[in-house]
Amino acid sequence: MSTDRDRVTEVMSRIERAKARILSTGELSERVGGGRAPARSTTFKRASAELHRAEQARNRLLLEMAGNADAVSGALAERLGLTGRHAASLLRISRTGSDQMRTYAFGR
């Protein structure tokens, strides 16, 4: 059985790996006329999708670790790479957000 520490390490590693893949494409700073982002490569799109899934996993872990608390501790938010405001927003979305917003933030 994995500990909270192991689960946090695993989810944060997933996020960092996805960010590294995005950066390795070199596409983040590219711009085309009018300030629009250029068409993205398949590698970039896959890495972006993986980053989103990893962040959803982190968000679900936050909810699980926070339990029924009315607030998220600063230490927990920091361990998960979140600001206190972001963690509080996720907690609020989980309780009062629309189905679409909860699906976006936490996945299915």
PDB file of N, CA and C in Angstrom:
ATOM      1  N   MET A   1       0.845  -1.179   0.000  1.00  0.00           N
ATOM      2  CA  MET A   1       0.000   0.000   0.000  1.00  0.00           C
ATOM      3  C   MET A   1       0.889   1.240   0.000  1.00  0.00           C
ATOM      4  N   SER A   2       0.609   2.165  -0.901  1.00  0.00           N
ATOM      5  CA  SER A   2       1.460   3.344  -1.001  1.00  0.00           C
ATOM      6  C   SER A   2       1.037   4.404   0.018  1.00  0.00           C
ATOM      7  N   THR A   3       2.007   5.140   0.463  1.00  0.00           N
ATOM      8  CA  THR A   3       1.758   6.195   1.437  1.00  0.00           C
ATOM      9  C   THR A   3       1.384   7.474   0.706  1.00  0.00           C
ATOM     10  N   ASP A   4       0.885   8.448   1.475  1.00  0.00           N
ATOM     11  CA  ASP A   4       0.576   9.751   0.886  1.00  0.00           C
ATOM     12  C   ASP A   4       1.814  10.353   0.247  1.00  0.00           C
ATOM     13  N   ARG A   5       2.943  10.188   0.911  1.00  0.00           N
ATOM     14  CA  ARG A   5       4.192  10.745   0.385  1.00  0.00           C
ATOM     15  C   ARG A   5       4.523  10.135  -0.979  1.00  0.00           C
ATOM     16  N   ASP A   6       4.365   8.812  -1.105  1.00  0.00           N
ATOM     17  CA  ASP A   6       4.621   8.131  -2.378  1.00  0.00           C
ATOM     18  C   ASP A   6       3.669   8.615  -3.459  1.00  0.00           C
ATOM     19  N   ARG A   7       2.413   8.779  -3.095  1.00  0.00           N
ATOM     20  CA  ARG A   7       1.415   9.213  -4.072  1.00  0.00           C
ATOM     21  C   ARG A   7       1.680  10.639  -4.532  1.00  0.00           C
ATOM     22  N   VAL A   8       2.070  11.507  -3.619  1.00  0.00           N
ATOM     23  CA  VAL A   8       2.409  12.882  -3.987  1.00  0.00           C
ATOM     24  C   VAL A   8       3.625  12.880  -4.908  1.00  0.00           C
ATOM     25  N   THR A   9       4.640  12.110  -4.556  1.00  0.00           N
ATOM     26  CA  THR A   9       5.849  12.025  -5.381  1.00  0.00           C
ATOM     27  C   THR A   9       5.518  11.536  -6.779  1.00  0.00           C
ATOM     28  N   GLU A  10       4.673  10.513  -6.870  1.00  0.00           N
ATOM     29  CA  GLU A  10       4.323   9.949  -8.176  1.00  0.00           C
ATOM     30  C   GLU A  10       3.573  10.957  -9.036  1.00  0.00           C
ATOM     31  N   VAL A  11       2.583  11.632  -8.471  1.00  0.00           N
ATOM     32  CA  VAL A  11       1.793  12.571  -9.264  1.00  0.00           C
ATOM     33  C   VAL A  11       2.625  13.795  -9.651  1.00  0.00           C
ATOM     34  N   MET A  12       3.485  14.258  -8.758  1.00  0.00           N
ATOM     35  CA  MET A  12       4.329  15.405  -9.099  1.00  0.00           C
ATOM     36  C   MET A  12       5.355  15.021 -10.163  1.00  0.00           C
ATOM     37  N   SER A  13       5.836  13.792 -10.133  1.00  0.00           N
ATOM     38  CA  SER A  13       6.762  13.313 -11.166  1.00  0.00           C
ATOM     39  C   SER A  13       6.074  13.267 -12.522  1.00  0.00           C
ATOM     40  N   ARG A  14       4.830  12.813 -12.543  1.00  0.00           N
ATOM     41  CA  ARG A  14       4.068  12.792 -13.803  1.00  0.00           C
ATOM     42  C   ARG A  14       3.931  14.195 -14.374  1.00  0.00           C
ATOM     43  N   ILE A  15       3.637  15.160 -13.521  1.00  0.00           N
ATOM     44  CA  ILE A  15       3.486  16.545 -13.972  1.00  0.00           C
ATOM     45  C   ILE A  15       4.809  17.056 -14.529  1.00  0.00           C
ATOM     46  N   GLU A  16       5.892  16.823 -13.818  1.00  0.00           N
ATOM     47  CA  GLU A  16       7.205  17.302 -14.273  1.00  0.00           C
ATOM     48  C   GLU A  16       7.630  16.646 -15.581  1.00  0.00           C
ATOM     49  N   ARG A  17       7.368  15.348 -15.735  1.00  0.00           N
ATOM     50  CA  ARG A  17       7.709  14.665 -16.995  1.00  0.00           C
ATOM     51  C   ARG A  17       6.924  15.253 -18.163  1.00  0.00           C
ATOM     52  N   ALA A  18       5.645  15.522 -17.961  1.00  0.00           N
ATOM     53  CA  ALA A  18       4.824  16.096 -19.028  1.00  0.00           C
ATOM     54  C   ALA A  18       5.298  17.502 -19.379  1.00  0.00           C
ATOM     55  N   LYS A  19       5.635  18.292 -18.374  1.00  0.00           N
ATOM     56  CA  LYS A  19       6.158  19.639 -18.634  1.00  0.00           C
ATOM     57  C   LYS A  19       7.466  19.572 -19.410  1.00  0.00           C
ATOM     58  N   ALA A  20       8.325  18.631 -19.049  1.00  0.00           N
ATOM     59  CA  ALA A  20       9.606  18.473 -19.747  1.00  0.00           C
ATOM     60  C   ALA A  20       9.381  18.094 -21.206  1.00  0.00           C
ATOM     61  N   ARG A  21       8.406  17.220 -21.466  1.00  0.00           N
ATOM     62  CA  ARG A  21       8.109  16.841 -22.857  1.00  0.00           C
ATOM     63  C   ARG A  21       7.605  18.042 -23.647  1.00  0.00           C
ATOM     64  N   ILE A  22       6.780  18.863 -23.026  1.00  0.00           N
ATOM     65  CA  ILE A  22       6.284  20.062 -23.710  1.00  0.00           C
ATOM     66  C   ILE A  22       7.448  20.990 -24.033  1.00  0.00           C
ATOM     67  N   LEU A  23       8.308  21.234 -23.054  1.00  0.00           N
ATOM     68  CA  LEU A  23       9.456  22.118 -23.278  1.00  0.00           C
ATOM     69  C   LEU A  23      10.402  21.569 -24.332  1.00  0.00           C
ATOM     70  N   SER A  24      10.544  20.247 -24.389  1.00  0.00           N
ATOM     71  CA  SER A  24      11.483  19.648 -25.344  1.00  0.00           C
ATOM     72  C   SER A  24      11.049  19.841 -26.790  1.00  0.00           C
ATOM     73  N   THR A  25       9.777  20.145 -27.018  1.00  0.00           N
ATOM     74  CA  THR A  25       9.325  20.381 -28.391  1.00  0.00           C
ATOM     75  C   THR A  25       9.798  21.734 -28.904  1.00  0.00           C
ATOM     76  N   GLY A  26      10.104  22.658 -28.000  1.00  0.00           N
ATOM     77  CA  GLY A  26      10.534  23.994 -28.399  1.00  0.00           C
ATOM     78  C   GLY A  26       9.409  24.850 -28.952  1.00  0.00           C
ATOM     79  N   GLU A  27       8.184  24.436 -28.759  1.00  0.00           N
ATOM     80  CA  GLU A  27       7.049  25.137 -29.359  1.00  0.00           C
ATOM     81  C   GLU A  27       6.395  26.179 -28.455  1.00  0.00           C
ATOM     82  N   LEU A  28       6.797  26.274 -27.213  1.00  0.00           N
ATOM     83  CA  LEU A  28       6.110  27.193 -26.306  1.00  0.00           C
ATOM     84  C   LEU A  28       6.304  28.659 -26.666  1.00  0.00           C
ATOM     85  N   SER A  29       7.453  29.022 -27.157  1.00  0.00           N
ATOM     86  CA  SER A  29       7.711  30.435 -27.432  1.00  0.00           C
ATOM     87  C   SER A  29       7.430  30.827 -28.876  1.00  0.00           C
ATOM     88  N   GLU A  30       7.005  29.898 -29.697  1.00  0.00           N
ATOM     89  CA  GLU A  30       6.702  30.211 -31.092  1.00  0.00           C
ATOM     90  C   GLU A  30       5.420  31.025 -31.183  1.00  0.00           C
ATOM     91  N   ARG A  31       5.423  31.992 -32.076  1.00  0.00           N
ATOM     92  CA  ARG A  31       4.238  32.806 -32.347  1.00  0.00           C
ATOM     93  C   ARG A  31       4.141  33.013 -33.853  1.00  0.00           C
ATOM     94  N   VAL A  32       2.930  33.178 -34.307  1.00  0.00           N
ATOM     95  CA  VAL A  32       2.700  33.543 -35.700  1.00  0.00           C
ATOM     96  C   VAL A  32       2.058  34.908 -35.691  1.00  0.00           C
ATOM     97  N   GLY A  33       1.774  35.447 -36.838  1.00  0.00           N
ATOM     98  CA  GLY A  33       1.209  36.786 -36.936  1.00  0.00           C
ATOM     99  C   GLY A  33       0.013  37.004 -36.028  1.00  0.00           C
ATOM    100  N   GLY A  34      -0.088  38.190 -35.503  1.00  0.00           N
ATOM    101  CA  GLY A  34      -1.212  38.545 -34.649  1.00  0.00           C
ATOM    102  C   GLY A  34      -1.129  37.982 -33.249  1.00  0.00           C
ATOM    103  N   GLY A  35       0.022  37.415 -32.874  1.00  0.00           N
ATOM    104  CA  GLY A  35       0.192  36.882 -31.532  1.00  0.00           C
ATOM    105  C   GLY A  35      -0.454  35.531 -31.313  1.00  0.00           C
ATOM    106  N   ARG A  36      -0.974  34.941 -32.378  1.00  0.00           N
ATOM    107  CA  ARG A  36      -1.614  33.629 -32.245  1.00  0.00           C
ATOM    108  C   ARG A  36      -0.561  32.546 -32.067  1.00  0.00           C
ATOM    109  N   ALA A  37      -0.940  31.498 -31.384  1.00  0.00           N
ATOM    110  CA  ALA A  37      -0.047  30.340 -31.244  1.00  0.00           C
ATOM    111  C   ALA A  37      -0.044  29.569 -32.561  1.00  0.00           C
ATOM    112  N   PRO A  38       1.084  29.002 -32.931  1.00  0.00           N
ATOM    113  CA  PRO A  38       1.151  28.234 -34.177  1.00  0.00           C
ATOM    114  C   PRO A  38       0.444  26.886 -34.042  1.00  0.00           C
ATOM    115  N   ALA A  39       0.277  26.233 -35.178  1.00  0.00           N
ATOM    116  CA  ALA A  39      -0.253  24.873 -35.141  1.00  0.00           C
ATOM    117  C   ALA A  39       0.736  24.024 -34.346  1.00  0.00           C
ATOM    118  N   ARG A  40       0.233  23.190 -33.475  1.00  0.00           N
ATOM    119  CA  ARG A  40       1.091  22.397 -32.593  1.00  0.00           C
ATOM    120  C   ARG A  40       1.332  21.007 -33.165  1.00  0.00           C
ATOM    121  N   SER A  41       2.504  20.476 -32.867  1.00  0.00           N
ATOM    122  CA  SER A  41       2.861  19.131 -33.313  1.00  0.00           C
ATOM    123  C   SER A  41       2.079  18.091 -32.515  1.00  0.00           C
ATOM    124  N   THR A  42       2.059  16.896 -33.033  1.00  0.00           N
ATOM    125  CA  THR A  42       1.406  15.786 -32.338  1.00  0.00           C
ATOM    126  C   THR A  42       2.072  15.536 -30.992  1.00  0.00           C
ATOM    127  N   THR A  43       3.395  15.637 -30.955  1.00  0.00           N
ATOM    128  CA  THR A  43       4.130  15.435 -29.701  1.00  0.00           C
ATOM    129  C   THR A  43       3.699  16.455 -28.654  1.00  0.00           C
ATOM    130  N   PHE A  44       3.582  17.713 -29.072  1.00  0.00           N
ATOM    131  CA  PHE A  44       3.167  18.773 -28.163  1.00  0.00           C
ATOM    132  C   PHE A  44       1.750  18.510 -27.655  1.00  0.00           C
ATOM    133  N   LYS A  45       0.852  18.140 -28.555  1.00  0.00           N
ATOM    134  CA  LYS A  45      -0.536  17.891 -28.164  1.00  0.00           C
ATOM    135  C   LYS A  45      -0.642  16.722 -27.191  1.00  0.00           C
ATOM    136  N   ARG A  46       0.120  15.672 -27.452  1.00  0.00           N
ATOM    137  CA  ARG A  46       0.098  14.517 -26.537  1.00  0.00           C
ATOM    138  C   ARG A  46       0.642  14.897 -25.165  1.00  0.00           C
ATOM    139  N   ALA A  47       1.737  15.650 -25.148  1.00  0.00           N
ATOM    140  CA  ALA A  47       2.328  16.070 -23.876  1.00  0.00           C
ATOM    141  C   ALA A  47       1.375  16.993 -23.115  1.00  0.00           C
ATOM    142  N   SER A  48       0.691  17.869 -23.838  1.00  0.00           N
ATOM    143  CA  SER A  48      -0.282  18.762 -23.198  1.00  0.00           C
ATOM    144  C   SER A  48      -1.431  17.970 -22.589  1.00  0.00           C
ATOM    145  N   ALA A  49      -1.900  16.963 -23.321  1.00  0.00           N
ATOM    146  CA  ALA A  49      -2.984  16.119 -22.804  1.00  0.00           C
ATOM    147  C   ALA A  49      -2.516  15.341 -21.578  1.00  0.00           C
ATOM    148  N   GLU A  50      -1.285  14.837 -21.609  1.00  0.00           N
ATOM    149  CA  GLU A  50      -0.745  14.104 -20.457  1.00  0.00           C
ATOM    150  C   GLU A  50      -0.582  15.035 -19.256  1.00  0.00           C
ATOM    151  N   LEU A  51      -0.141  16.268 -19.499  1.00  0.00           N
ATOM    152  CA  LEU A  51      -0.021  17.239 -18.412  1.00  0.00           C
ATOM    153  C   LEU A  51      -1.388  17.481 -17.778  1.00  0.00           C
ATOM    154  N   HIS A  52      -2.402  17.638 -18.603  1.00  0.00           N
ATOM    155  CA  HIS A  52      -3.745  17.875 -18.068  1.00  0.00           C
ATOM    156  C   HIS A  52      -4.217  16.684 -17.231  1.00  0.00           C
ATOM    157  N   ARG A  53      -3.993  15.466 -17.718  1.00  0.00           N
ATOM    158  CA  ARG A  53      -4.383  14.270 -16.953  1.00  0.00           C
ATOM    159  C   ARG A  53      -3.609  14.177 -15.636  1.00  0.00           C
ATOM    160  N   ALA A  54      -2.326  14.523 -15.666  1.00  0.00           N
ATOM    161  CA  ALA A  54      -1.516  14.486 -14.443  1.00  0.00           C
ATOM    162  C   ALA A  54      -2.005  15.533 -13.443  1.00  0.00           C
ATOM    163  N   GLU A  55      -2.369  16.711 -13.943  1.00  0.00           N
ATOM    164  CA  GLU A  55      -2.886  17.746 -13.048  1.00  0.00           C
ATOM    165  C   GLU A  55      -4.245  17.339 -12.479  1.00  0.00           C
ATOM    166  N   GLN A  56      -5.064  16.659 -13.273  1.00  0.00           N
ATOM    167  CA  GLN A  56      -6.330  16.151 -12.750  1.00  0.00           C
ATOM    168  C   GLN A  56      -6.080  15.136 -11.634  1.00  0.00           C
ATOM    169  N   ALA A  57      -5.092  14.272 -11.829  1.00  0.00           N
ATOM    170  CA  ALA A  57      -4.747  13.286 -10.792  1.00  0.00           C
ATOM    171  C   ALA A  57      -4.287  13.993  -9.524  1.00  0.00           C
ATOM    172  N   ARG A  58      -3.492  15.047  -9.681  1.00  0.00           N
ATOM    173  CA  ARG A  58      -3.050  15.828  -8.520  1.00  0.00           C
ATOM    174  C   ARG A  58      -4.247  16.468  -7.825  1.00  0.00           C
ATOM    175  N   ASN A  59      -5.178  16.990  -8.603  1.00  0.00           N
ATOM    176  CA  ASN A  59      -6.354  17.632  -8.024  1.00  0.00           C
ATOM    177  C   ASN A  59      -7.210  16.629  -7.256  1.00  0.00           C
ATOM    178  N   ARG A  60      -7.367  15.423  -7.804  1.00  0.00           N
ATOM    179  CA  ARG A  60      -8.114  14.378  -7.094  1.00  0.00           C
ATOM    180  C   ARG A  60      -7.398  13.989  -5.802  1.00  0.00           C
ATOM    181  N   LEU A  61      -6.071  13.908  -5.863  1.00  0.00           N
ATOM    182  CA  LEU A  61      -5.293  13.577  -4.671  1.00  0.00           C
ATOM    183  C   LEU A  61      -5.461  14.659  -3.605  1.00  0.00           C
ATOM    184  N   LEU A  62      -5.488  15.909  -4.021  1.00  0.00           N
ATOM    185  CA  LEU A  62      -5.720  17.008  -3.084  1.00  0.00           C
ATOM    186  C   LEU A  62      -7.043  16.806  -2.356  1.00  0.00           C
ATOM    187  N   LEU A  63      -8.094  16.504  -3.096  1.00  0.00           N
ATOM    188  CA  LEU A  63      -9.404  16.308  -2.465  1.00  0.00           C
ATOM    189  C   LEU A  63      -9.387  15.136  -1.504  1.00  0.00           C
ATOM    190  N   GLU A  64      -8.739  14.063  -1.917  1.00  0.00           N
ATOM    191  CA  GLU A  64      -8.667  12.879  -1.062  1.00  0.00           C
ATOM    192  C   GLU A  64      -7.906  13.180   0.228  1.00  0.00           C
ATOM    193  N   MET A  65      -6.797  13.897   0.106  1.00  0.00           N
ATOM    194  CA  MET A  65      -5.979  14.189   1.281  1.00  0.00           C
ATOM    195  C   MET A  65      -6.620  15.250   2.174  1.00  0.00           C
ATOM    196  N   ALA A  66      -7.365  16.186   1.577  1.00  0.00           N
ATOM    197  CA  ALA A  66      -8.016  17.236   2.364  1.00  0.00           C
ATOM    198  C   ALA A  66      -9.246  16.694   3.081  1.00  0.00           C
ATOM    199  N   GLY A  67      -9.847  15.651   2.526  1.00  0.00           N
ATOM    200  CA  GLY A  67     -11.028  15.061   3.152  1.00  0.00           C
ATOM    201  C   GLY A  67     -12.186  16.037   3.196  1.00  0.00           C
ATOM    202  N   ASN A  68     -12.874  16.083   4.313  1.00  0.00           N
ATOM    203  CA  ASN A  68     -14.043  16.952   4.475  1.00  0.00           C
ATOM    204  C   ASN A  68     -13.692  18.313   5.048  1.00  0.00           C
ATOM    205  N   ALA A  69     -12.422  18.648   5.059  1.00  0.00           N
ATOM    206  CA  ALA A  69     -11.992  19.925   5.633  1.00  0.00           C
ATOM    207  C   ALA A  69     -12.605  21.096   4.870  1.00  0.00           C
ATOM    208  N   ASP A  70     -12.828  22.182   5.583  1.00  0.00           N
ATOM    209  CA  ASP A  70     -13.352  23.393   4.955  1.00  0.00           C
ATOM    210  C   ASP A  70     -12.260  24.201   4.284  1.00  0.00           C
ATOM    211  N   ALA A  71     -11.014  23.886   4.597  1.00  0.00           N
ATOM    212  CA  ALA A  71      -9.880  24.605   4.024  1.00  0.00           C
ATOM    213  C   ALA A  71      -8.739  23.619   3.792  1.00  0.00           C
ATOM    214  N   VAL A  72      -7.821  24.026   2.954  1.00  0.00           N
ATOM    215  CA  VAL A  72      -6.644  23.210   2.652  1.00  0.00           C
ATOM    216  C   VAL A  72      -5.453  23.851   3.346  1.00  0.00           C
ATOM    217  N   SER A  73      -4.661  23.057   4.035  1.00  0.00           N
ATOM    218  CA  SER A  73      -3.488  23.613   4.714  1.00  0.00           C
ATOM    219  C   SER A  73      -2.478  24.101   3.679  1.00  0.00           C
ATOM    220  N   GLY A  74      -1.758  25.126   4.045  1.00  0.00           N
ATOM    221  CA  GLY A  74      -0.717  25.648   3.164  1.00  0.00           C
ATOM    222  C   GLY A  74       0.346  24.611   2.871  1.00  0.00           C
ATOM    223  N   ALA A  75       0.654  23.783   3.864  1.00  0.00           N
ATOM    224  CA  ALA A  75       1.674  22.746   3.684  1.00  0.00           C
ATOM    225  C   ALA A  75       1.233  21.719   2.648  1.00  0.00           C
ATOM    226  N   LEU A  76      -0.035  21.320   2.685  1.00  0.00           N
ATOM    227  CA  LEU A  76      -0.539  20.357   1.708  1.00  0.00           C
ATOM    228  C   LEU A  76      -0.538  20.966   0.313  1.00  0.00           C
ATOM    229  N   ALA A  77      -1.007  22.190   0.204  1.00  0.00           N
ATOM    230  CA  ALA A  77      -1.011  22.860  -1.100  1.00  0.00           C
ATOM    231  C   ALA A  77       0.407  22.932  -1.662  1.00  0.00           C
ATOM    232  N   GLU A  78       1.347  23.303  -0.823  1.00  0.00           N
ATOM    233  CA  GLU A  78       2.744  23.419  -1.265  1.00  0.00           C
ATOM    234  C   GLU A  78       3.305  22.070  -1.706  1.00  0.00           C
ATOM    235  N   ARG A  79       3.016  21.014  -0.967  1.00  0.00           N
ATOM    236  CA  ARG A  79       3.496  19.669  -1.343  1.00  0.00           C
ATOM    237  C   ARG A  79       3.010  19.275  -2.729  1.00  0.00           C
ATOM    238  N   LEU A  80       1.812  19.755  -3.086  1.00  0.00           N
ATOM    239  CA  LEU A  80       1.227  19.410  -4.375  1.00  0.00           C
ATOM    240  C   LEU A  80       1.516  20.460  -5.447  1.00  0.00           C
ATOM    241  N   GLY A  81       2.393  21.403  -5.135  1.00  0.00           N
ATOM    242  CA  GLY A  81       2.787  22.400  -6.124  1.00  0.00           C
ATOM    243  C   GLY A  81       1.708  23.425  -6.428  1.00  0.00           C
ATOM    244  N   LEU A  82       0.845  23.683  -5.462  1.00  0.00           N
ATOM    245  CA  LEU A  82      -0.252  24.624  -5.638  1.00  0.00           C
ATOM    246  C   LEU A  82      -0.088  25.811  -4.703  1.00  0.00           C
ATOM    247  N   THR A  83      -0.671  26.930  -5.083  1.00  0.00           N
ATOM    248  CA  THR A  83      -0.780  28.034  -4.142  1.00  0.00           C
ATOM    249  C   THR A  83      -1.996  27.752  -3.264  1.00  0.00           C
ATOM    250  N   GLY A  84      -2.070  28.417  -2.144  1.00  0.00           N
ATOM    251  CA  GLY A  84      -3.227  28.249  -1.279  1.00  0.00           C
ATOM    252  C   GLY A  84      -4.513  28.640  -1.980  1.00  0.00           C
ATOM    253  N   ARG A  85      -4.447  29.689  -2.779  1.00  0.00           N
ATOM    254  CA  ARG A  85      -5.629  30.157  -3.509  1.00  0.00           C
ATOM    255  C   ARG A  85      -6.097  29.111  -4.519  1.00  0.00           C
ATOM    256  N   HIS A  86      -5.140  28.516  -5.246  1.00  0.00           N
ATOM    257  CA  HIS A  86      -5.485  27.491  -6.233  1.00  0.00           C
ATOM    258  C   HIS A  86      -6.109  26.279  -5.536  1.00  0.00           C
ATOM    259  N   ALA A  87      -5.515  25.849  -4.435  1.00  0.00           N
ATOM    260  CA  ALA A  87      -6.047  24.705  -3.689  1.00  0.00           C
ATOM    261  C   ALA A  87      -7.457  24.998  -3.177  1.00  0.00           C
ATOM    262  N   ALA A  88      -7.664  26.203  -2.660  1.00  0.00           N
ATOM    263  CA  ALA A  88      -8.991  26.576  -2.164  1.00  0.00           C
ATOM    264  C   ALA A  88     -10.005  26.614  -3.306  1.00  0.00           C
ATOM    265  N   SER A  89      -9.577  27.083  -4.460  1.00  0.00           N
ATOM    266  CA  SER A  89     -10.468  27.108  -5.627  1.00  0.00           C
ATOM    267  C   SER A  89     -10.861  25.698  -6.045  1.00  0.00           C
ATOM    268  N   LEU A  90      -9.900  24.782  -6.024  1.00  0.00           N
ATOM    269  CA  LEU A  90     -10.203  23.393  -6.375  1.00  0.00           C
ATOM    270  C   LEU A  90     -11.187  22.786  -5.384  1.00  0.00           C
ATOM    271  N   LEU A  91     -11.005  23.089  -4.121  1.00  0.00           N
ATOM    272  CA  LEU A  91     -11.923  22.594  -3.094  1.00  0.00           C
ATOM    273  C   LEU A  91     -13.333  23.135  -3.345  1.00  0.00           C
ATOM    274  N   ARG A  92     -13.418  24.411  -3.674  1.00  0.00           N
ATOM    275  CA  ARG A  92     -14.714  25.035  -3.943  1.00  0.00           C
ATOM    276  C   ARG A  92     -15.362  24.443  -5.203  1.00  0.00           C
ATOM    277  N   ILE A  93     -14.554  24.232  -6.252  1.00  0.00           N
ATOM    278  CA  ILE A  93     -15.071  23.631  -7.487  1.00  0.00           C
ATOM    279  C   ILE A  93     -15.623  22.240  -7.209  1.00  0.00           C
ATOM    280  N   SER A  94     -14.929  21.481  -6.372  1.00  0.00           N
ATOM    281  CA  SER A  94     -15.380  20.113  -6.083  1.00  0.00           C
ATOM    282  C   SER A  94     -16.736  20.093  -5.395  1.00  0.00           C
ATOM    283  N   ARG A  95     -17.058  21.156  -4.690  1.00  0.00           N
ATOM    284  CA  ARG A  95     -18.300  21.188  -3.919  1.00  0.00           C
ATOM    285  C   ARG A  95     -19.428  21.926  -4.622  1.00  0.00           C
ATOM    286  N   THR A  96     -19.096  22.981  -5.331  1.00  0.00           N
ATOM    287  CA  THR A  96     -20.161  23.816  -5.895  1.00  0.00           C
ATOM    288  C   THR A  96     -20.015  24.059  -7.389  1.00  0.00           C
ATOM    289  N   GLY A  97     -18.971  23.535  -8.002  1.00  0.00           N
ATOM    290  CA  GLY A  97     -18.753  23.778  -9.424  1.00  0.00           C
ATOM    291  C   GLY A  97     -19.730  23.012 -10.300  1.00  0.00           C
ATOM    292  N   SER A  98     -19.875  23.495 -11.519  1.00  0.00           N
ATOM    293  CA  SER A  98     -20.738  22.811 -12.482  1.00  0.00           C
ATOM    294  C   SER A  98     -20.132  21.452 -12.829  1.00  0.00           C
ATOM    295  N   ASP A  99     -20.945  20.578 -13.385  1.00  0.00           N
ATOM    296  CA  ASP A  99     -20.446  19.264 -13.803  1.00  0.00           C
ATOM    297  C   ASP A  99     -19.300  19.417 -14.793  1.00  0.00           C
ATOM    298  N   GLN A 100     -19.450  20.354 -15.723  1.00  0.00           N
ATOM    299  CA  GLN A 100     -18.413  20.571 -16.734  1.00  0.00           C
ATOM    300  C   GLN A 100     -17.105  21.031 -16.086  1.00  0.00           C
ATOM    301  N   MET A 101     -17.188  21.922 -15.128  1.00  0.00           N
ATOM    302  CA  MET A 101     -15.985  22.415 -14.459  1.00  0.00           C
ATOM    303  C   MET A 101     -15.333  21.316 -13.628  1.00  0.00           C
ATOM    304  N   ARG A 102     -16.150  20.523 -12.928  1.00  0.00           N
ATOM    305  CA  ARG A 102     -15.591  19.419 -12.134  1.00  0.00           C
ATOM    306  C   ARG A 102     -14.924  18.384 -13.036  1.00  0.00           C
ATOM    307  N   THR A 103     -15.528  18.101 -14.178  1.00  0.00           N
ATOM    308  CA  THR A 103     -14.923  17.153 -15.115  1.00  0.00           C
ATOM    309  C   THR A 103     -13.592  17.690 -15.623  1.00  0.00           C
ATOM    310  N   TYR A 104     -13.532  18.978 -15.936  1.00  0.00           N
ATOM    311  CA  TYR A 104     -12.286  19.577 -16.413  1.00  0.00           C
ATOM    312  C   TYR A 104     -11.207  19.523 -15.332  1.00  0.00           C
ATOM    313  N   ALA A 105     -11.566  19.861 -14.109  1.00  0.00           N
ATOM    314  CA  ALA A 105     -10.583  19.959 -13.029  1.00  0.00           C
ATOM    315  C   ALA A 105     -10.162  18.604 -12.466  1.00  0.00           C
ATOM    316  N   PHE A 106     -11.087  17.642 -12.443  1.00  0.00           N
ATOM    317  CA  PHE A 106     -10.811  16.376 -11.757  1.00  0.00           C
ATOM    318  C   PHE A 106     -10.908  15.143 -12.646  1.00  0.00           C
ATOM    319  N   GLY A 107     -11.387  15.300 -13.858  1.00  0.00           N
ATOM    320  CA  GLY A 107     -11.565  14.147 -14.738  1.00  0.00           C
ATOM    321  C   GLY A 107     -12.805  13.375 -14.335  1.00  0.00           C
ATOM    322  N   ARG A 108     -12.986  12.259 -14.954  1.00  0.00           N
ATOM    323  CA  ARG A 108     -14.175  11.438 -14.664  1.00  0.00           C
ATOM    324  C   ARG A 108     -13.878  10.418 -13.614  1.00  0.00           C
TER     325      ARG A 108
END
